[in-house]
Amino acid sequence: MRSLCASLAQIYLVPSWRVGLLIAVALAWVSPALACGALSGAAASAAGGVFLRRLLGRPAALVGRHAREGLLGYNGALVGALVAARCGAGAAAAAWGLLGVCGAVALHLLLERPLGRVPGGGLPVLTAPLCAVGTALDWWLPQPPAPSAPDALLSAIPAAFAQTSLGAGVLPGALILAALTLAAPRAAAWGVIAAAMTLPVALAVPAAEVAAGAWSYCAVLAGIALGTAPSGTHRGWRHRVIPVMAAVACALLIQAVLARAGWPVLTWPFVIATWMVLAVKGLRHGR
């Protein structure tokens, strides 16, 4: 059970099963089916990831550690949550969820080594498997109802933390943010800072969308990924703030393009923007 909860925490790039437990509570607050979908997706993804890696002869100790830390289950958790958000509970959700998780497991394994060989130190897989599988499933799954949006613009910050794991609402997001603050304060701080950077976009898009966190959740992930990344010999604040600002700006631009094209947004803006910034940093600093 701890590895399943750790998978939920890894959605926010935090290796803590306690944080994952509170995320599961927050998702259950939104919908019990959503929490069940995330946990069952994490379980299937971790089992499939362990099986395939052992089959390929990967070191058992390393595979076991990655499974315990949730690194093999977080994309499956997101796929399971996505299917549950679209289909609810039932046989159809189970079938689509299993199909999607199998695809995510295979993609994660296929992407690890090519991304690791990118010049400048390699790139992490992040949620690319979710994005690819979710984009394919979007053609077949029913569209979700529009979530109710809070009135206050600042609600976008806690709401974005809920949106990150396919949840919705200020209170579930506030619970997730509180859990992160207790277990990983730096991650929580960078997530809040990045989400706050997106608030001016309310001048260009409907304020209700911004208040619901729809334009901030990818920034939350980018802020955590880049704000807490090891900085090597570069200790100045600029080496964290500037990459986060660049990633947030890129993520907003990518999301605007995807939305205008009618393409599923998912976490594509986070993945692409983070890869771009990490690649530039790696080339500049010779990682």
Protein backbone atom coordinates (compact mmCIF):
# COMPACT_ATOMS: atom_id res chain seq x y z
CA MET A 1 0.00 0.00 0.00
CA ARG A 2 2.88 2.37 0.72
CA SER A 3 4.22 2.01 -2.82
CA LEU A 4 0.77 2.86 -4.22
CA CYS A 5 0.58 5.99 -2.10
CA ALA A 6 4.14 6.86 -3.08
CA SER A 7 3.03 6.65 -6.72
CA LEU A 8 0.45 9.36 -6.06
CA ALA A 9 3.08 11.54 -4.40
CA GLN A 10 5.42 11.08 -7.38
CA ILE A 11 2.84 12.91 -9.50
CA TYR A 12 4.16 15.96 -7.63
CA LEU A 13 7.76 14.68 -7.86
CA VAL A 14 7.84 13.96 -4.11
CA PRO A 15 8.93 10.53 -2.77
CA SER A 16 6.61 10.27 0.25
CA TRP A 17 3.89 7.69 0.84
CA ARG A 18 2.39 9.90 3.54
CA VAL A 19 1.84 12.70 1.04
CA GLY A 20 0.37 10.11 -1.33
CA LEU A 21 -2.07 8.96 1.33
CA LEU A 22 -3.40 12.50 1.72
CA ILE A 23 -3.59 12.87 -2.05
CA ALA A 24 -5.74 9.72 -2.12
CA VAL A 25 -8.00 11.29 0.52
CA ALA A 26 -8.24 14.49 -1.54
CA LEU A 27 -9.14 12.52 -4.68
CA ALA A 28 -11.76 10.54 -2.74
CA TRP A 29 -13.16 13.87 -1.57
CA VAL A 30 -13.67 14.81 -5.22
CA SER A 31 -14.95 11.35 -6.18
CA PRO A 32 -14.41 7.88 -4.68
CA ALA A 33 -14.17 6.52 -8.23
CA LEU A 34 -11.34 8.95 -8.94
CA ALA A 35 -9.31 7.71 -5.95
CA CYS A 36 -10.00 4.07 -6.84
CA GLY A 37 -8.97 4.69 -10.44
CA ALA A 38 -5.72 6.34 -9.39
CA LEU A 39 -4.79 3.62 -6.89
CA SER A 40 -5.72 0.74 -9.18
CA GLY A 41 -3.81 2.38 -12.04
CA ALA A 42 -0.78 2.77 -9.80
CA ALA A 43 -0.98 -0.87 -8.74
CA ALA A 44 -1.27 -2.19 -12.30
CA SER A 45 1.49 0.12 -13.53
CA ALA A 46 3.91 -0.81 -10.75
CA ALA A 47 3.27 -4.53 -11.25
CA GLY A 48 3.72 -4.26 -15.00
CA GLY A 49 6.82 -2.11 -14.64
CA VAL A 50 8.47 -4.53 -12.23
CA PHE A 51 7.60 -7.53 -14.42
CA LEU A 52 8.99 -6.01 -17.62
CA ARG A 53 12.17 -4.71 -16.00
CA ARG A 54 12.89 -8.06 -14.36
CA LEU A 55 12.18 -9.77 -17.68
CA LEU A 56 14.79 -7.50 -19.31
CA GLY A 57 17.34 -8.33 -16.64
CA ARG A 58 17.37 -5.01 -14.80
CA PRO A 59 18.94 -5.21 -11.28
CA ALA A 60 16.33 -6.50 -8.84
CA ALA A 61 17.41 -4.14 -6.05
CA LEU A 62 17.10 -1.07 -8.28
CA VAL A 63 13.73 -2.15 -9.64
CA GLY A 64 12.44 -2.79 -6.13
CA ARG A 65 13.61 0.61 -4.91
CA HIS A 66 11.98 2.39 -7.84
CA ALA A 67 8.73 0.52 -7.19
CA ARG A 68 8.76 1.46 -3.50
CA GLU A 69 9.43 5.10 -4.34
CA GLY A 70 6.47 5.20 -6.72
CA LEU A 71 8.57 5.82 -9.82
CA LEU A 72 6.95 2.91 -11.67
CA GLY A 73 3.37 3.78 -10.75
CA TYR A 74 2.72 7.49 -11.09
CA ASN A 75 1.89 7.51 -14.81
CA GLY A 76 -0.45 4.57 -14.29
CA ALA A 77 -2.09 6.44 -11.41
CA LEU A 78 -2.73 9.41 -13.69
CA VAL A 79 -4.09 7.20 -16.47
CA GLY A 80 -6.39 5.46 -14.00
CA ALA A 81 -7.59 8.80 -12.65
CA LEU A 82 -8.16 10.12 -16.18
CA VAL A 83 -10.30 7.12 -17.14
CA ALA A 84 -12.23 7.31 -13.86
CA ALA A 85 -12.87 11.03 -14.36
CA ARG A 86 -14.29 10.31 -17.81
CA CYS A 87 -16.08 6.98 -17.27
CA GLY A 88 -16.75 6.76 -13.54
CA ALA A 89 -16.73 3.25 -12.09
CA GLY A 90 -17.66 0.09 -13.96
CA ALA A 91 -16.54 -2.50 -16.47
CA ALA A 92 -15.87 0.06 -19.21
CA ALA A 93 -13.64 2.09 -16.93
CA ALA A 94 -11.74 -1.04 -15.88
CA ALA A 95 -11.17 -2.10 -19.49
CA TRP A 96 -10.06 1.34 -20.69
CA GLY A 97 -7.95 1.79 -17.59
CA LEU A 98 -6.13 -1.52 -18.07
CA LEU A 99 -5.50 -0.76 -21.74
CA GLY A 100 -4.22 2.71 -20.93
CA VAL A 101 -1.97 1.55 -18.10
CA CYS A 102 -0.42 -1.15 -20.31
CA GLY A 103 0.37 1.52 -22.89
CA ALA A 104 1.84 3.85 -20.26
CA VAL A 105 4.05 1.10 -18.81
CA ALA A 106 5.39 0.21 -22.25
CA LEU A 107 6.00 3.84 -23.20
CA HIS A 108 7.78 4.59 -19.93
CA LEU A 109 10.14 1.70 -20.55
CA LEU A 110 10.70 2.68 -24.19
CA LEU A 111 11.40 6.34 -23.38
CA GLU A 112 13.81 5.86 -20.47
CA ARG A 113 16.98 5.11 -22.40
CA PRO A 114 16.51 7.42 -25.42
CA LEU A 115 15.73 10.36 -23.14
CA GLY A 116 18.64 9.43 -20.91
CA ARG A 117 20.98 9.79 -23.87
CA VAL A 118 19.91 13.33 -24.78
CA PRO A 119 23.02 15.57 -24.86
CA GLY A 120 23.56 17.61 -21.72
CA GLY A 121 22.81 14.92 -19.16
CA GLY A 122 19.60 13.35 -20.38
CA LEU A 123 15.97 14.15 -19.72
CA PRO A 124 13.46 12.58 -17.31
CA VAL A 125 10.41 10.73 -18.57
CA LEU A 126 8.07 12.88 -16.45
CA THR A 127 4.41 12.38 -17.46
CA ALA A 128 5.07 11.85 -21.18
CA PRO A 129 3.48 8.35 -21.11
CA LEU A 130 0.29 9.82 -19.63
CA CYS A 131 0.23 12.49 -22.32
CA ALA A 132 0.63 10.02 -25.19
CA VAL A 133 -1.88 7.51 -23.81
CA GLY A 134 -4.32 10.19 -22.71
CA THR A 135 -4.24 11.83 -26.13
CA ALA A 136 -5.05 8.49 -27.78
CA LEU A 137 -7.82 7.70 -25.29
CA ASP A 138 -9.34 11.17 -25.67
CA TRP A 139 -10.86 10.11 -28.99
CA TRP A 140 -12.81 7.31 -27.31
CA LEU A 141 -13.62 8.41 -23.78
CA PRO A 142 -16.66 10.59 -22.98
CA GLN A 143 -15.85 14.23 -22.37
CA PRO A 144 -15.89 15.27 -18.70
CA PRO A 145 -18.39 17.81 -17.38
CA ALA A 146 -16.99 21.29 -16.87
CA PRO A 147 -15.97 21.72 -13.21
CA SER A 148 -17.56 24.49 -11.21
CA ALA A 149 -15.18 27.41 -10.93
CA PRO A 150 -14.62 29.42 -7.74
CA ASP A 151 -15.14 33.18 -7.83
CA ALA A 152 -11.81 34.34 -6.40
CA LEU A 153 -8.86 34.45 -8.78
CA LEU A 154 -6.45 33.43 -6.01
CA SER A 155 -8.38 30.16 -5.75
CA ALA A 156 -6.41 29.15 -8.83
CA ILE A 157 -3.40 28.33 -6.66
CA PRO A 158 -4.92 25.59 -4.45
CA ALA A 159 -7.23 24.47 -7.28
CA ALA A 160 -4.18 23.91 -9.50
CA PHE A 161 -2.76 21.41 -7.01
CA ALA A 162 -6.00 19.41 -7.31
CA GLN A 163 -6.02 19.67 -11.11
CA THR A 164 -2.49 18.24 -11.22
CA SER A 165 -3.79 14.82 -10.16
CA LEU A 166 -7.02 15.08 -12.20
CA GLY A 167 -9.02 16.32 -9.22
CA ALA A 168 -10.88 19.59 -8.90
CA GLY A 169 -11.77 22.14 -6.26
CA VAL A 170 -10.15 24.46 -3.78
CA LEU A 171 -10.49 22.28 -0.69
CA PRO A 172 -8.97 19.08 -2.19
CA GLY A 173 -6.19 21.22 -3.63
CA ALA A 174 -5.61 22.90 -0.28
CA LEU A 175 -5.31 19.47 1.37
CA ILE A 176 -2.71 18.38 -1.19
CA LEU A 177 -0.82 21.66 -0.78
CA ALA A 178 -0.84 21.25 3.01
CA ALA A 179 0.53 17.71 2.69
CA LEU A 180 3.31 18.90 0.40
CA THR A 181 4.11 21.79 2.72
CA LEU A 182 4.61 19.44 5.66
CA ALA A 183 6.64 16.81 3.81
CA ALA A 184 8.40 18.80 1.08
CA PRO A 185 8.19 22.54 1.80
CA ARG A 186 10.50 23.50 -1.06
CA ALA A 187 8.33 21.65 -3.56
CA ALA A 188 5.20 23.28 -2.17
CA ALA A 189 6.79 26.74 -2.27
CA TRP A 190 7.96 26.42 -5.86
CA GLY A 191 4.57 25.07 -6.89
CA VAL A 192 2.82 28.06 -5.33
CA ILE A 193 5.30 30.52 -6.87
CA ALA A 194 4.85 29.00 -10.33
CA ALA A 195 1.06 28.96 -10.02
CA ALA A 196 1.08 32.62 -8.96
CA MET A 197 3.07 33.48 -12.11
CA THR A 198 0.14 32.29 -14.23
CA LEU A 199 -2.51 34.57 -12.69
CA PRO A 200 -2.03 37.44 -15.17
CA VAL A 201 -3.26 35.11 -17.93
CA ALA A 202 -6.75 35.93 -16.61
CA LEU A 203 -6.46 39.13 -18.65
CA ALA A 204 -6.52 37.06 -21.84
CA VAL A 205 -8.67 33.99 -21.08
CA PRO A 206 -11.92 33.52 -19.13
CA ALA A 207 -11.24 34.23 -15.47
CA ALA A 208 -13.34 31.21 -14.45
CA GLU A 209 -10.89 28.88 -16.20
CA VAL A 210 -7.97 30.49 -14.40
CA ALA A 211 -9.73 30.36 -11.02
CA ALA A 212 -10.40 26.64 -11.52
CA GLY A 213 -6.67 26.05 -11.87
CA ALA A 214 -6.89 24.94 -15.50
CA TRP A 215 -4.12 27.32 -16.57
CA SER A 216 -1.91 26.80 -13.52
CA TYR A 217 -1.49 23.07 -12.89
CA CYS A 218 1.21 22.56 -15.52
CA ALA A 219 3.05 25.53 -14.03
CA VAL A 220 2.85 23.87 -10.59
CA LEU A 221 4.60 20.79 -11.94
CA ALA A 222 7.19 22.81 -13.84
CA GLY A 223 7.90 24.90 -10.75
CA ILE A 224 8.43 21.82 -8.60
CA ALA A 225 10.53 20.02 -11.22
CA LEU A 226 12.88 22.93 -11.91
CA GLY A 227 12.78 24.73 -8.58
CA THR A 228 13.82 21.65 -6.61
CA ALA A 229 16.20 20.17 -9.19
CA PRO A 230 19.85 19.80 -8.10
CA SER A 231 21.71 22.95 -9.10
CA GLY A 232 25.26 21.56 -9.00
CA THR A 233 27.77 24.34 -8.46
CA HIS A 234 25.24 27.05 -9.30
CA ARG A 235 23.75 28.23 -6.01
CA GLY A 236 22.35 31.66 -6.91
CA TRP A 237 18.61 32.28 -6.95
CA ARG A 238 18.77 33.16 -10.65
CA HIS A 239 19.63 29.56 -11.51
CA ARG A 240 16.24 28.49 -10.15
CA VAL A 241 13.94 31.47 -10.70
CA ILE A 242 14.86 32.11 -14.32
CA PRO A 243 14.35 28.47 -15.46
CA VAL A 244 11.02 28.34 -13.61
CA MET A 245 9.87 31.61 -15.18
CA ALA A 246 10.94 30.39 -18.62
CA ALA A 247 9.15 27.06 -18.18
CA VAL A 248 5.95 28.71 -16.95
CA ALA A 249 5.92 31.10 -19.91
CA CYS A 250 6.55 28.23 -22.34
CA ALA A 251 3.88 26.08 -20.70
CA LEU A 252 1.27 28.84 -21.01
CA LEU A 253 2.13 29.37 -24.66
CA ILE A 254 2.01 25.63 -25.41
CA GLN A 255 -1.33 25.30 -23.60
CA ALA A 256 -2.78 28.20 -25.60
CA VAL A 257 -1.69 26.58 -28.86
CA LEU A 258 -3.11 23.18 -27.84
CA ALA A 259 -6.39 24.72 -26.69
CA ARG A 260 -6.78 26.66 -29.93
CA ALA A 261 -6.05 23.53 -31.96
CA GLY A 262 -8.59 21.51 -29.99
CA TRP A 263 -5.87 19.09 -28.83
CA PRO A 264 -6.02 17.49 -25.35
CA VAL A 265 -3.87 19.58 -23.00
CA LEU A 266 -3.26 17.00 -20.25
CA THR A 267 0.29 17.71 -18.99
CA TRP A 268 1.86 18.29 -22.42
CA PRO A 269 2.78 21.91 -21.56
CA PHE A 270 4.63 20.80 -18.44
CA VAL A 271 6.50 18.00 -20.19
CA ILE A 272 7.54 19.98 -23.26
CA ALA A 273 8.43 23.16 -21.38
CA THR A 274 10.45 21.29 -18.75
CA TRP A 275 12.32 19.29 -21.37
CA MET A 276 13.15 22.49 -23.25
CA VAL A 277 14.50 24.26 -20.18
CA LEU A 278 16.47 21.24 -18.95
CA ALA A 279 17.97 20.72 -22.39
CA VAL A 280 19.08 24.36 -22.57
CA LYS A 281 20.49 24.24 -19.04
CA GLY A 282 22.33 21.01 -19.78
CA LEU A 283 23.92 22.40 -22.93
CA ARG A 284 24.88 25.70 -21.29
CA HIS A 285 26.42 24.17 -18.18
CA GLY A 286 27.79 21.03 -19.79
CA ARG A 287 25.79 18.57 -17.69
